[in-house]
């Protein structure tokens, strides 16, 4: 599911968060070997994403909503403001990710297609 479609989807809150986390992980798999991505979890995952970007994009809100609550019932609801912030952070990460200097497993045809609606 493209990011723009997901941003406006009518999925449940938990399903939206899960789909967004999967989109981020899937995007990272275009660049980094599965072994590196698979061992990244929780706060370490978002630190990895931020350190392999031109600048820090994901905040603690992303870690809490997409990390801690991903596989359990969230302790708190994700507000619309938080959801839109997550979408914007993900969009920035996709757009700003520095692909040069890495040895991609698969050359992405265009990761920017993930942020555009069809």
PDB file of N, CA and C in Angstrom:
ATOM      1  N   UNK A   1       0.855  -1.168   0.000  1.00  0.00           N
ATOM      2  CA  UNK A   1       0.000   0.000   0.000  1.00  0.00           C
ATOM      3  C   UNK A   1       0.902   1.232   0.000  1.00  0.00           C
ATOM      4  N   UNK A   2       0.680   2.157  -0.903  1.00  0.00           N
ATOM      5  CA  UNK A   2       1.465   3.394  -0.972  1.00  0.00           C
ATOM      6  C   UNK A   2       1.155   4.270   0.234  1.00  0.00           C
ATOM      7  N   UNK A   3       2.112   5.094   0.582  1.00  0.00           N
ATOM      8  CA  UNK A   3       1.982   5.942   1.762  1.00  0.00           C
ATOM      9  C   UNK A   3       0.770   6.863   1.678  1.00  0.00           C
ATOM     10  N   UNK A   4       0.527   7.469   0.538  1.00  0.00           N
ATOM     11  CA  UNK A   4      -0.617   8.377   0.389  1.00  0.00           C
ATOM     12  C   UNK A   4      -1.937   7.639   0.591  1.00  0.00           C
ATOM     13  N   UNK A   5      -2.028   6.425   0.085  1.00  0.00           N
ATOM     14  CA  UNK A   5      -3.240   5.629   0.287  1.00  0.00           C
ATOM     15  C   UNK A   5      -3.408   5.278   1.754  1.00  0.00           C
ATOM     16  N   UNK A   6      -2.326   4.890   2.381  1.00  0.00           N
ATOM     17  CA  UNK A   6      -2.365   4.516   3.795  1.00  0.00           C
ATOM     18  C   UNK A   6      -2.745   5.711   4.662  1.00  0.00           C
ATOM     19  N   UNK A   7      -2.236   6.873   4.327  1.00  0.00           N
ATOM     20  CA  UNK A   7      -2.523   8.081   5.113  1.00  0.00           C
ATOM     21  C   UNK A   7      -4.014   8.361   5.199  1.00  0.00           C
ATOM     22  N   UNK A   8      -4.750   8.036   4.147  1.00  0.00           N
ATOM     23  CA  UNK A   8      -6.185   8.324   4.100  1.00  0.00           C
ATOM     24  C   UNK A   8      -7.048   7.079   4.180  1.00  0.00           C
ATOM     25  N   UNK A   9      -6.469   5.982   4.615  1.00  0.00           N
ATOM     26  CA  UNK A   9      -7.220   4.726   4.646  1.00  0.00           C
ATOM     27  C   UNK A   9      -8.237   4.709   5.784  1.00  0.00           C
ATOM     28  N   UNK A  10      -9.189   3.818   5.644  1.00  0.00           N
ATOM     29  CA  UNK A  10     -10.213   3.665   6.680  1.00  0.00           C
ATOM     30  C   UNK A  10      -9.947   2.431   7.536  1.00  0.00           C
ATOM     31  N   UNK A  11      -8.712   1.937   7.505  1.00  0.00           N
ATOM     32  CA  UNK A  11      -8.334   0.807   8.338  1.00  0.00           C
ATOM     33  C   UNK A  11      -8.438   1.180   9.814  1.00  0.00           C
ATOM     34  N   UNK A  12      -8.473   0.186  10.667  1.00  0.00           N
ATOM     35  CA  UNK A  12      -8.461   0.457  12.104  1.00  0.00           C
ATOM     36  C   UNK A  12      -7.123   1.078  12.482  1.00  0.00           C
ATOM     37  N   UNK A  13      -7.087   1.704  13.622  1.00  0.00           N
ATOM     38  CA  UNK A  13      -5.849   2.338  14.088  1.00  0.00           C
ATOM     39  C   UNK A  13      -4.701   1.340  14.141  1.00  0.00           C
ATOM     40  N   UNK A  14      -4.943   0.185  14.726  1.00  0.00           N
ATOM     41  CA  UNK A  14      -3.893  -0.832  14.845  1.00  0.00           C
ATOM     42  C   UNK A  14      -3.432  -1.299  13.467  1.00  0.00           C
ATOM     43  N   UNK A  15      -4.359  -1.483  12.537  1.00  0.00           N
ATOM     44  CA  UNK A  15      -4.006  -1.927  11.184  1.00  0.00           C
ATOM     45  C   UNK A  15      -3.205  -0.851  10.449  1.00  0.00           C
ATOM     46  N   UNK A  16      -3.580   0.403  10.624  1.00  0.00           N
ATOM     47  CA  UNK A  16      -2.833   1.493   9.979  1.00  0.00           C
ATOM     48  C   UNK A  16      -1.397   1.541  10.488  1.00  0.00           C
ATOM     49  N   UNK A  17      -1.236   1.449  11.804  1.00  0.00           N
ATOM     50  CA  UNK A  17       0.105   1.485  12.395  1.00  0.00           C
ATOM     51  C   UNK A  17       0.933   0.299  11.906  1.00  0.00           C
ATOM     52  N   UNK A  18       0.324  -0.865  11.860  1.00  0.00           N
ATOM     53  CA  UNK A  18       1.025  -2.050  11.397  1.00  0.00           C
ATOM     54  C   UNK A  18       1.447  -1.892   9.937  1.00  0.00           C
ATOM     55  N   UNK A  19       0.544  -1.423   9.086  1.00  0.00           N
ATOM     56  CA  UNK A  19       0.847  -1.232   7.670  1.00  0.00           C
ATOM     57  C   UNK A  19       1.967  -0.207   7.476  1.00  0.00           C
ATOM     58  N   UNK A  20       1.941   0.855   8.275  1.00  0.00           N
ATOM     59  CA  UNK A  20       2.983   1.874   8.173  1.00  0.00           C
ATOM     60  C   UNK A  20       4.337   1.299   8.579  1.00  0.00           C
ATOM     61  N   UNK A  21       4.364   0.538   9.654  1.00  0.00           N
ATOM     62  CA  UNK A  21       5.614  -0.096  10.097  1.00  0.00           C
ATOM     63  C   UNK A  21       6.135  -1.054   9.029  1.00  0.00           C
ATOM     64  N   UNK A  22       5.240  -1.793   8.400  1.00  0.00           N
ATOM     65  CA  UNK A  22       5.627  -2.719   7.337  1.00  0.00           C
ATOM     66  C   UNK A  22       6.170  -1.966   6.124  1.00  0.00           C
ATOM     67  N   UNK A  23       5.583  -0.847   5.797  1.00  0.00           N
ATOM     68  CA  UNK A  23       6.056  -0.036   4.671  1.00  0.00           C
ATOM     69  C   UNK A  23       7.473   0.473   4.938  1.00  0.00           C
ATOM     70  N   UNK A  24       7.726   0.925   6.149  1.00  0.00           N
ATOM     71  CA  UNK A  24       9.059   1.411   6.516  1.00  0.00           C
ATOM     72  C   UNK A  24      10.070   0.267   6.434  1.00  0.00           C
ATOM     73  N   UNK A  25       9.715  -0.866   7.013  1.00  0.00           N
ATOM     74  CA  UNK A  25      10.626  -2.010   7.005  1.00  0.00           C
ATOM     75  C   UNK A  25      10.871  -2.491   5.576  1.00  0.00           C
ATOM     76  N   UNK A  26       9.829  -2.572   4.788  1.00  0.00           N
ATOM     77  CA  UNK A  26       9.974  -3.002   3.397  1.00  0.00           C
ATOM     78  C   UNK A  26      10.842  -2.054   2.590  1.00  0.00           C
ATOM     79  N   UNK A  27      10.705  -0.761   2.842  1.00  0.00           N
ATOM     80  CA  UNK A  27      11.534   0.225   2.153  1.00  0.00           C
ATOM     81  C   UNK A  27      12.999   0.050   2.533  1.00  0.00           C
ATOM     82  N   UNK A  28      13.259  -0.166   3.811  1.00  0.00           N
ATOM     83  CA  UNK A  28      14.632  -0.368   4.271  1.00  0.00           C
ATOM     84  C   UNK A  28      15.246  -1.625   3.651  1.00  0.00           C
ATOM     85  N   UNK A  29      14.416  -2.624   3.373  1.00  0.00           N
ATOM     86  CA  UNK A  29      14.921  -3.867   2.778  1.00  0.00           C
ATOM     87  C   UNK A  29      15.390  -3.680   1.338  1.00  0.00           C
ATOM     88  N   UNK A  30      14.987  -2.594   0.696  1.00  0.00           N
ATOM     89  CA  UNK A  30      15.509  -2.295  -0.638  1.00  0.00           C
ATOM     90  C   UNK A  30      16.999  -1.944  -0.580  1.00  0.00           C
ATOM     91  N   UNK A  31      17.448  -1.450   0.550  1.00  0.00           N
ATOM     92  CA  UNK A  31      18.796  -0.920   0.677  1.00  0.00           C
ATOM     93  C   UNK A  31      19.721  -1.818   1.486  1.00  0.00           C
ATOM     94  N   UNK A  32      19.243  -2.311   2.598  1.00  0.00           N
ATOM     95  CA  UNK A  32      20.087  -3.049   3.525  1.00  0.00           C
ATOM     96  C   UNK A  32      19.783  -4.542   3.505  1.00  0.00           C
ATOM     97  N   UNK A  33      20.775  -5.359   3.771  1.00  0.00           N
ATOM     98  CA  UNK A  33      20.545  -6.806   3.829  1.00  0.00           C
ATOM     99  C   UNK A  33      19.531  -7.165   4.916  1.00  0.00           C
ATOM    100  N   UNK A  34      18.766  -8.192   4.645  1.00  0.00           N
ATOM    101  CA  UNK A  34      17.723  -8.659   5.560  1.00  0.00           C
ATOM    102  C   UNK A  34      18.274  -8.921   6.965  1.00  0.00           C
ATOM    103  N   UNK A  35      19.492  -9.466   7.058  1.00  0.00           N
ATOM    104  CA  UNK A  35      20.071  -9.790   8.370  1.00  0.00           C
ATOM    105  C   UNK A  35      20.224  -8.541   9.233  1.00  0.00           C
ATOM    106  N   UNK A  36      20.573  -7.433   8.616  1.00  0.00           N
ATOM    107  CA  UNK A  36      20.740  -6.184   9.363  1.00  0.00           C
ATOM    108  C   UNK A  36      19.378  -5.658   9.807  1.00  0.00           C
ATOM    109  N   UNK A  37      18.417  -5.659   8.905  1.00  0.00           N
ATOM    110  CA  UNK A  37      17.082  -5.142   9.214  1.00  0.00           C
ATOM    111  C   UNK A  37      16.382  -6.022  10.241  1.00  0.00           C
ATOM    112  N   UNK A  38      16.503  -7.332  10.105  1.00  0.00           N
ATOM    113  CA  UNK A  38      15.801  -8.267  10.990  1.00  0.00           C
ATOM    114  C   UNK A  38      16.202  -8.135  12.450  1.00  0.00           C
ATOM    115  N   UNK A  39      17.439  -7.770  12.701  1.00  0.00           N
ATOM    116  CA  UNK A  39      17.879  -7.700  14.102  1.00  0.00           C
ATOM    117  C   UNK A  39      17.598  -6.343  14.752  1.00  0.00           C
ATOM    118  N   UNK A  40      17.037  -5.406  14.003  1.00  0.00           N
ATOM    119  CA  UNK A  40      16.718  -4.082  14.544  1.00  0.00           C
ATOM    120  C   UNK A  40      15.284  -4.084  15.088  1.00  0.00           C
ATOM    121  N   UNK A  41      15.122  -3.737  16.346  1.00  0.00           N
ATOM    122  CA  UNK A  41      13.793  -3.685  16.948  1.00  0.00           C
ATOM    123  C   UNK A  41      13.679  -2.483  17.882  1.00  0.00           C
ATOM    124  N   UNK A  42      12.447  -2.134  18.186  1.00  0.00           N
ATOM    125  CA  UNK A  42      12.176  -1.088  19.162  1.00  0.00           C
ATOM    126  C   UNK A  42      12.909   0.208  18.895  1.00  0.00           C
ATOM    127  N   UNK A  43      13.444   0.781  19.959  1.00  0.00           N
ATOM    128  CA  UNK A  43      14.144   2.055  19.859  1.00  0.00           C
ATOM    129  C   UNK A  43      15.379   1.941  18.962  1.00  0.00           C
ATOM    130  N   UNK A  44      16.059   0.788  19.009  1.00  0.00           N
ATOM    131  CA  UNK A  44      17.240   0.580  18.166  1.00  0.00           C
ATOM    132  C   UNK A  44      16.882   0.683  16.684  1.00  0.00           C
ATOM    133  N   UNK A  45      15.698   0.213  16.304  1.00  0.00           N
ATOM    134  CA  UNK A  45      15.253   0.274  14.913  1.00  0.00           C
ATOM    135  C   UNK A  45      15.156   1.721  14.444  1.00  0.00           C
ATOM    136  N   UNK A  46      14.537   2.570  15.242  1.00  0.00           N
ATOM    137  CA  UNK A  46      14.381   3.967  14.848  1.00  0.00           C
ATOM    138  C   UNK A  46      15.700   4.728  14.929  1.00  0.00           C
ATOM    139  N   UNK A  47      16.575   4.349  15.854  1.00  0.00           N
ATOM    140  CA  UNK A  47      17.924   4.928  15.871  1.00  0.00           C
ATOM    141  C   UNK A  47      18.674   4.541  14.601  1.00  0.00           C
ATOM    142  N   UNK A  48      18.535   3.288  14.175  1.00  0.00           N
ATOM    143  CA  UNK A  48      19.162   2.824  12.944  1.00  0.00           C
ATOM    144  C   UNK A  48      18.648   3.643  11.753  1.00  0.00           C
ATOM    145  N   UNK A  49      17.340   3.806  11.652  1.00  0.00           N
ATOM    146  CA  UNK A  49      16.759   4.584  10.553  1.00  0.00           C
ATOM    147  C   UNK A  49      17.268   6.020  10.559  1.00  0.00           C
ATOM    148  N   UNK A  50      17.320   6.624  11.724  1.00  0.00           N
ATOM    149  CA  UNK A  50      17.770   8.010  11.831  1.00  0.00           C
ATOM    150  C   UNK A  50      19.256   8.162  11.522  1.00  0.00           C
ATOM    151  N   UNK A  51      20.076   7.215  11.960  1.00  0.00           N
ATOM    152  CA  UNK A  51      21.511   7.346  11.716  1.00  0.00           C
ATOM    153  C   UNK A  51      21.888   7.019  10.272  1.00  0.00           C
ATOM    154  N   UNK A  52      21.017   6.339   9.561  1.00  0.00           N
ATOM    155  CA  UNK A  52      21.264   6.036   8.154  1.00  0.00           C
ATOM    156  C   UNK A  52      20.428   6.944   7.255  1.00  0.00           C
ATOM    157  N   UNK A  53      20.243   8.156   7.689  1.00  0.00           N
ATOM    158  CA  UNK A  53      19.496   9.165   6.950  1.00  0.00           C
ATOM    159  C   UNK A  53      20.316  10.453   6.966  1.00  0.00           C
ATOM    160  N   UNK A  54      19.971  11.379   6.118  1.00  0.00           N
ATOM    161  CA  UNK A  54      20.703  12.646   6.086  1.00  0.00           C
ATOM    162  C   UNK A  54      20.519  13.435   7.372  1.00  0.00           C
ATOM    163  N   UNK A  55      19.369  13.272   8.003  1.00  0.00           N
ATOM    164  CA  UNK A  55      19.137  13.895   9.309  1.00  0.00           C
ATOM    165  C   UNK A  55      18.092  13.087  10.060  1.00  0.00           C
ATOM    166  N   UNK A  56      18.022  13.311  11.365  1.00  0.00           N
ATOM    167  CA  UNK A  56      17.064  12.575  12.182  1.00  0.00           C
ATOM    168  C   UNK A  56      15.653  12.951  11.769  1.00  0.00           C
ATOM    169  N   UNK A  57      14.831  11.942  11.521  1.00  0.00           N
ATOM    170  CA  UNK A  57      13.456  12.173  11.080  1.00  0.00           C
ATOM    171  C   UNK A  57      12.458  11.638  12.100  1.00  0.00           C
ATOM    172  N   UNK A  58      12.681  10.418  12.574  1.00  0.00           N
ATOM    173  CA  UNK A  58      11.724   9.781  13.473  1.00  0.00           C
ATOM    174  C   UNK A  58      11.945  10.231  14.907  1.00  0.00           C
ATOM    175  N   UNK A  59      10.862  10.564  15.574  1.00  0.00           N
ATOM    176  CA  UNK A  59      10.930  11.017  16.967  1.00  0.00           C
ATOM    177  C   UNK A  59      10.468   9.908  17.911  1.00  0.00           C
ATOM    178  N   UNK A  60      10.420  10.213  19.204  1.00  0.00           N
ATOM    179  CA  UNK A  60      10.010   9.213  20.193  1.00  0.00           C
ATOM    180  C   UNK A  60       8.566   8.785  19.995  1.00  0.00           C
ATOM    181  N   UNK A  61       7.739   9.646  19.411  1.00  0.00           N
ATOM    182  CA  UNK A  61       6.358   9.302  19.105  1.00  0.00           C
ATOM    183  C   UNK A  61       6.328   8.113  18.144  1.00  0.00           C
ATOM    184  N   UNK A  62       7.191   8.127  17.136  1.00  0.00           N
ATOM    185  CA  UNK A  62       7.260   7.022  16.171  1.00  0.00           C
ATOM    186  C   UNK A  62       7.673   5.745  16.880  1.00  0.00           C
ATOM    187  N   UNK A  63       8.665   5.847  17.742  1.00  0.00           N
ATOM    188  CA  UNK A  63       9.128   4.670  18.481  1.00  0.00           C
ATOM    189  C   UNK A  63       8.000   4.079  19.313  1.00  0.00           C
ATOM    190  N   UNK A  64       7.259   4.916  20.017  1.00  0.00           N
ATOM    191  CA  UNK A  64       6.179   4.422  20.870  1.00  0.00           C
ATOM    192  C   UNK A  64       5.041   3.815  20.053  1.00  0.00           C
ATOM    193  N   UNK A  65       4.606   4.505  19.015  1.00  0.00           N
ATOM    194  CA  UNK A  65       3.442   4.042  18.263  1.00  0.00           C
ATOM    195  C   UNK A  65       3.758   2.912  17.286  1.00  0.00           C
ATOM    196  N   UNK A  66       4.931   2.936  16.692  1.00  0.00           N
ATOM    197  CA  UNK A  66       5.271   1.914  15.707  1.00  0.00           C
ATOM    198  C   UNK A  66       6.177   0.824  16.267  1.00  0.00           C
ATOM    199  N   UNK A  67       6.716   1.048  17.435  1.00  0.00           N
ATOM    200  CA  UNK A  67       7.590   0.056  18.041  1.00  0.00           C
ATOM    201  C   UNK A  67       6.918  -0.642  19.203  1.00  0.00           C
ATOM    202  N   UNK A  68       6.738   0.071  20.277  1.00  0.00           N
ATOM    203  CA  UNK A  68       6.202  -0.515  21.502  1.00  0.00           C
ATOM    204  C   UNK A  68       4.803  -1.088  21.335  1.00  0.00           C
ATOM    205  N   UNK A  69       3.938  -0.406  20.597  1.00  0.00           N
ATOM    206  CA  UNK A  69       2.541  -0.811  20.507  1.00  0.00           C
ATOM    207  C   UNK A  69       2.208  -1.648  19.289  1.00  0.00           C
ATOM    208  N   UNK A  70       3.168  -1.937  18.461  1.00  0.00           N
ATOM    209  CA  UNK A  70       2.876  -2.571  17.182  1.00  0.00           C
ATOM    210  C   UNK A  70       2.226  -3.937  17.311  1.00  0.00           C
ATOM    211  N   UNK A  71       2.699  -4.748  18.211  1.00  0.00           N
ATOM    212  CA  UNK A  71       2.187  -6.113  18.321  1.00  0.00           C
ATOM    213  C   UNK A  71       1.348  -6.335  19.570  1.00  0.00           C
ATOM    214  N   UNK A  72       0.875  -5.261  20.148  1.00  0.00           N
ATOM    215  CA  UNK A  72       0.004  -5.363  21.315  1.00  0.00           C
ATOM    216  C   UNK A  72      -1.039  -4.267  21.244  1.00  0.00           C
ATOM    217  N   UNK A  73      -2.040  -4.375  22.077  1.00  0.00           N
ATOM    218  CA  UNK A  73      -3.057  -3.333  22.113  1.00  0.00           C
ATOM    219  C   UNK A  73      -2.410  -2.067  22.651  1.00  0.00           C
ATOM    220  N   UNK A  74      -2.517  -0.953  21.918  1.00  0.00           N
ATOM    221  CA  UNK A  74      -1.870   0.284  22.366  1.00  0.00           C
ATOM    222  C   UNK A  74      -2.365   0.731  23.736  1.00  0.00           C
ATOM    223  N   UNK A  75      -1.452   1.254  24.533  1.00  0.00           N
ATOM    224  CA  UNK A  75      -1.815   1.779  25.849  1.00  0.00           C
ATOM    225  C   UNK A  75      -2.627   3.054  25.708  1.00  0.00           C
ATOM    226  N   UNK A  76      -2.326   3.815  24.668  1.00  0.00           N
ATOM    227  CA  UNK A  76      -3.053   5.042  24.376  1.00  0.00           C
ATOM    228  C   UNK A  76      -3.410   5.055  22.900  1.00  0.00           C
ATOM    229  N   UNK A  77      -4.485   5.732  22.583  1.00  0.00           N
ATOM    230  CA  UNK A  77      -4.903   5.837  21.184  1.00  0.00           C
ATOM    231  C   UNK A  77      -3.944   6.745  20.420  1.00  0.00           C
ATOM    232  N   UNK A  78      -3.823   6.482  19.156  1.00  0.00           N
ATOM    233  CA  UNK A  78      -3.028   7.324  18.263  1.00  0.00           C
ATOM    234  C   UNK A  78      -3.957   8.436  17.771  1.00  0.00           C
ATOM    235  N   UNK A  79      -3.648   9.651  18.125  1.00  0.00           N
ATOM    236  CA  UNK A  79      -4.490  10.769  17.706  1.00  0.00           C
ATOM    237  C   UNK A  79      -4.281  11.054  16.219  1.00  0.00           C
ATOM    238  N   UNK A  80      -5.192  11.783  15.608  1.00  0.00           N
ATOM    239  CA  UNK A  80      -5.040  12.159  14.201  1.00  0.00           C
ATOM    240  C   UNK A  80      -3.765  12.988  14.002  1.00  0.00           C
ATOM    241  N   UNK A  81      -3.459  13.859  14.961  1.00  0.00           N
ATOM    242  CA  UNK A  81      -2.244  14.667  14.875  1.00  0.00           C
ATOM    243  C   UNK A  81      -1.006  13.768  14.885  1.00  0.00           C
ATOM    244  N   UNK A  82      -0.979  12.767  15.770  1.00  0.00           N
ATOM    245  CA  UNK A  82       0.142  11.840  15.829  1.00  0.00           C
ATOM    246  C   UNK A  82       0.240  11.025  14.538  1.00  0.00           C
ATOM    247  N   UNK A  83      -0.916  10.591  14.017  1.00  0.00           N
ATOM    248  CA  UNK A  83      -0.932   9.806  12.784  1.00  0.00           C
ATOM    249  C   UNK A  83      -0.341  10.610  11.630  1.00  0.00           C
ATOM    250  N   UNK A  84      -0.771  11.854  11.477  1.00  0.00           N
ATOM    251  CA  UNK A  84      -0.259  12.689  10.396  1.00  0.00           C
ATOM    252  C   UNK A  84       1.236  12.982  10.582  1.00  0.00           C
ATOM    253  N   UNK A  85       1.665  13.094  11.817  1.00  0.00           N
ATOM    254  CA  UNK A  85       3.091  13.286  12.095  1.00  0.00           C
ATOM    255  C   UNK A  85       3.881  12.052  11.660  1.00  0.00           C
ATOM    256  N   UNK A  86       3.368  10.860  11.955  1.00  0.00           N
ATOM    257  CA  UNK A  86       4.032   9.625  11.527  1.00  0.00           C
ATOM    258  C   UNK A  86       4.119   9.536  10.005  1.00  0.00           C
ATOM    259  N   UNK A  87       3.048   9.918   9.336  1.00  0.00           N
ATOM    260  CA  UNK A  87       3.028   9.894   7.871  1.00  0.00           C
ATOM    261  C   UNK A  87       4.083  10.857   7.328  1.00  0.00           C
ATOM    262  N   UNK A  88       4.148  12.054   7.876  1.00  0.00           N
ATOM    263  CA  UNK A  88       5.129  13.045   7.416  1.00  0.00           C
ATOM    264  C   UNK A  88       6.561  12.601   7.691  1.00  0.00           C
ATOM    265  N   UNK A  89       6.795  12.006   8.862  1.00  0.00           N
ATOM    266  CA  UNK A  89       8.129  11.513   9.187  1.00  0.00           C
ATOM    267  C   UNK A  89       8.544  10.418   8.206  1.00  0.00           C
ATOM    268  N   UNK A  90       7.620   9.518   7.906  1.00  0.00           N
ATOM    269  CA  UNK A  90       7.910   8.436   6.966  1.00  0.00           C
ATOM    270  C   UNK A  90       8.180   8.989   5.578  1.00  0.00           C
ATOM    271  N   UNK A  91       7.376   9.936   5.151  1.00  0.00           N
ATOM    272  CA  UNK A  91       7.561  10.557   3.837  1.00  0.00           C
ATOM    273  C   UNK A  91       8.938  11.210   3.747  1.00  0.00           C
ATOM    274  N   UNK A  92       9.315  11.951   4.784  1.00  0.00           N
ATOM    275  CA  UNK A  92      10.638  12.585   4.809  1.00  0.00           C
ATOM    276  C   UNK A  92      11.752  11.552   4.768  1.00  0.00           C
ATOM    277  N   UNK A  93      11.598  10.478   5.530  1.00  0.00           N
ATOM    278  CA  UNK A  93      12.628   9.447   5.566  1.00  0.00           C
ATOM    279  C   UNK A  93      12.807   8.842   4.171  1.00  0.00           C
ATOM    280  N   UNK A  94      11.722   8.546   3.489  1.00  0.00           N
ATOM    281  CA  UNK A  94      11.801   7.973   2.145  1.00  0.00           C
ATOM    282  C   UNK A  94      12.457   8.960   1.184  1.00  0.00           C
ATOM    283  N   UNK A  95      12.083  10.220   1.264  1.00  0.00           N
ATOM    284  CA  UNK A  95      12.608  11.227   0.344  1.00  0.00           C
ATOM    285  C   UNK A  95      14.062  11.587   0.620  1.00  0.00           C
ATOM    286  N   UNK A  96      14.480  11.568   1.876  1.00  0.00           N
ATOM    287  CA  UNK A  96      15.812  12.045   2.244  1.00  0.00           C
ATOM    288  C   UNK A  96      16.840  10.942   2.432  1.00  0.00           C
ATOM    289  N   UNK A  97      16.415   9.700   2.388  1.00  0.00           N
ATOM    290  CA  UNK A  97      17.339   8.607   2.656  1.00  0.00           C
ATOM    291  C   UNK A  97      18.504   8.626   1.663  1.00  0.00           C
ATOM    292  N   UNK A  98      19.732   8.624   2.153  1.00  0.00           N
ATOM    293  CA  UNK A  98      20.893   8.665   1.244  1.00  0.00           C
ATOM    294  C   UNK A  98      21.224   7.278   0.702  1.00  0.00           C
ATOM    295  N   UNK A  99      20.931   7.048  -0.547  1.00  0.00           N
ATOM    296  CA  UNK A  99      21.179   5.728  -1.135  1.00  0.00           C
ATOM    297  C   UNK A  99      22.613   5.558  -1.590  1.00  0.00           C
ATOM    298  N   UNK A 100      23.303   6.670  -1.830  1.00  0.00           N
ATOM    299  CA  UNK A 100      24.678   6.535  -2.260  1.00  0.00           C
ATOM    300  C   UNK A 100      25.528   6.025  -1.098  1.00  0.00           C
ATOM    301  N   UNK A 101      26.494   5.214  -1.428  1.00  0.00           N
ATOM    302  CA  UNK A 101      27.377   4.684  -0.397  1.00  0.00           C
ATOM    303  C   UNK A 101      26.901   3.382   0.210  1.00  0.00           C
ATOM    304  N   UNK A 102      25.734   2.906  -0.180  1.00  0.00           N
ATOM    305  CA  UNK A 102      25.266   1.613   0.306  1.00  0.00           C
ATOM    306  C   UNK A 102      25.222   0.659  -0.873  1.00  0.00           C
ATOM    307  N   UNK A 103      25.263  -0.589  -0.567  1.00  0.00           N
ATOM    308  CA  UNK A 103      25.211  -1.609  -1.598  1.00  0.00           C
ATOM    309  C   UNK A 103      23.820  -2.232  -1.564  1.00  0.00           C
ATOM    310  N   UNK A 104      22.874  -1.681  -2.325  1.00  0.00           N
ATOM    311  CA  UNK A 104      21.503  -2.161  -2.226  1.00  0.00           C
ATOM    312  C   UNK A 104      21.362  -3.621  -2.644  1.00  0.00           C
ATOM    313  N   UNK A 105      20.514  -4.317  -1.910  1.00  0.00           N
ATOM    314  CA  UNK A 105      20.198  -5.690  -2.237  1.00  0.00           C
ATOM    315  C   UNK A 105      19.425  -5.704  -3.555  1.00  0.00           C
ATOM    316  N   UNK A 106      18.475  -4.812  -3.684  1.00  0.00           N
ATOM    317  CA  UNK A 106      17.669  -4.655  -4.892  1.00  0.00           C
ATOM    318  C   UNK A 106      17.644  -3.174  -5.211  1.00  0.00           C
ATOM    319  N   UNK A 107      17.945  -2.796  -6.410  1.00  0.00           N
ATOM    320  CA  UNK A 107      17.845  -1.382  -6.778  1.00  0.00           C
ATOM    321  C   UNK A 107      16.372  -0.996  -6.841  1.00  0.00           C
ATOM    322  N   UNK A 108      15.939  -0.054  -6.035  1.00  0.00           N
ATOM    323  CA  UNK A 108      14.533   0.349  -6.089  1.00  0.00           C
ATOM    324  C   UNK A 108      14.243   1.079  -7.394  1.00  0.00           C
ATOM    325  N   UNK A 109      13.106   0.746  -8.000  1.00  0.00           N
ATOM    326  CA  UNK A 109      12.732   1.426  -9.244  1.00  0.00           C
ATOM    327  C   UNK A 109      12.420   2.874  -8.952  1.00  0.00           C
ATOM    328  N   UNK A 110      11.772   3.159  -7.868  1.00  0.00           N
ATOM    329  CA  UNK A 110      11.563   4.516  -7.391  1.00  0.00           C
ATOM    330  C   UNK A 110      10.859   4.464  -6.057  1.00  0.00           C
ATOM    331  N   UNK A 111      11.609   4.677  -5.008  1.00  0.00           N
ATOM    332  CA  UNK A 111      10.989   4.675  -3.692  1.00  0.00           C
ATOM    333  C   UNK A 111      10.027   5.831  -3.524  1.00  0.00           C
ATOM    334  N   UNK A 112      10.194   6.867  -4.305  1.00  0.00           N
ATOM    335  CA  UNK A 112       9.265   7.993  -4.206  1.00  0.00           C
ATOM    336  C   UNK A 112       7.872   7.607  -4.642  1.00  0.00           C
ATOM    337  N   UNK A 113       7.730   6.514  -5.399  1.00  0.00           N
ATOM    338  CA  UNK A 113       6.399   6.035  -5.750  1.00  0.00           C
ATOM    339  C   UNK A 113       5.619   5.638  -4.501  1.00  0.00           C
ATOM    340  N   UNK A 114       6.311   5.299  -3.428  1.00  0.00           N
ATOM    341  CA  UNK A 114       5.633   4.932  -2.190  1.00  0.00           C
ATOM    342  C   UNK A 114       4.915   6.122  -1.564  1.00  0.00           C
ATOM    343  N   UNK A 115       5.375   7.331  -1.807  1.00  0.00           N
ATOM    344  CA  UNK A 115       4.753   8.504  -1.195  1.00  0.00           C
ATOM    345  C   UNK A 115       3.707   9.143  -2.083  1.00  0.00           C
ATOM    346  N   UNK A 116       3.575   8.672  -3.317  1.00  0.00           N
ATOM    347  CA  UNK A 116       2.601   9.233  -4.227  1.00  0.00           C
ATOM    348  C   UNK A 116       1.399   8.316  -4.341  1.00  0.00           C
ATOM    349  N   UNK A 117       0.235   8.878  -4.456  1.00  0.00           N
ATOM    350  CA  UNK A 117      -0.947   8.055  -4.677  1.00  0.00           C
ATOM    351  C   UNK A 117      -1.048   7.711  -6.141  1.00  0.00           C
ATOM    352  N   UNK A 118      -1.706   6.639  -6.400  1.00  0.00           N
ATOM    353  CA  UNK A 118      -1.856   6.182  -7.798  1.00  0.00           C
ATOM    354  C   UNK A 118      -3.040   6.837  -8.458  1.00  0.00           C
TER     355      UNK A 118
END
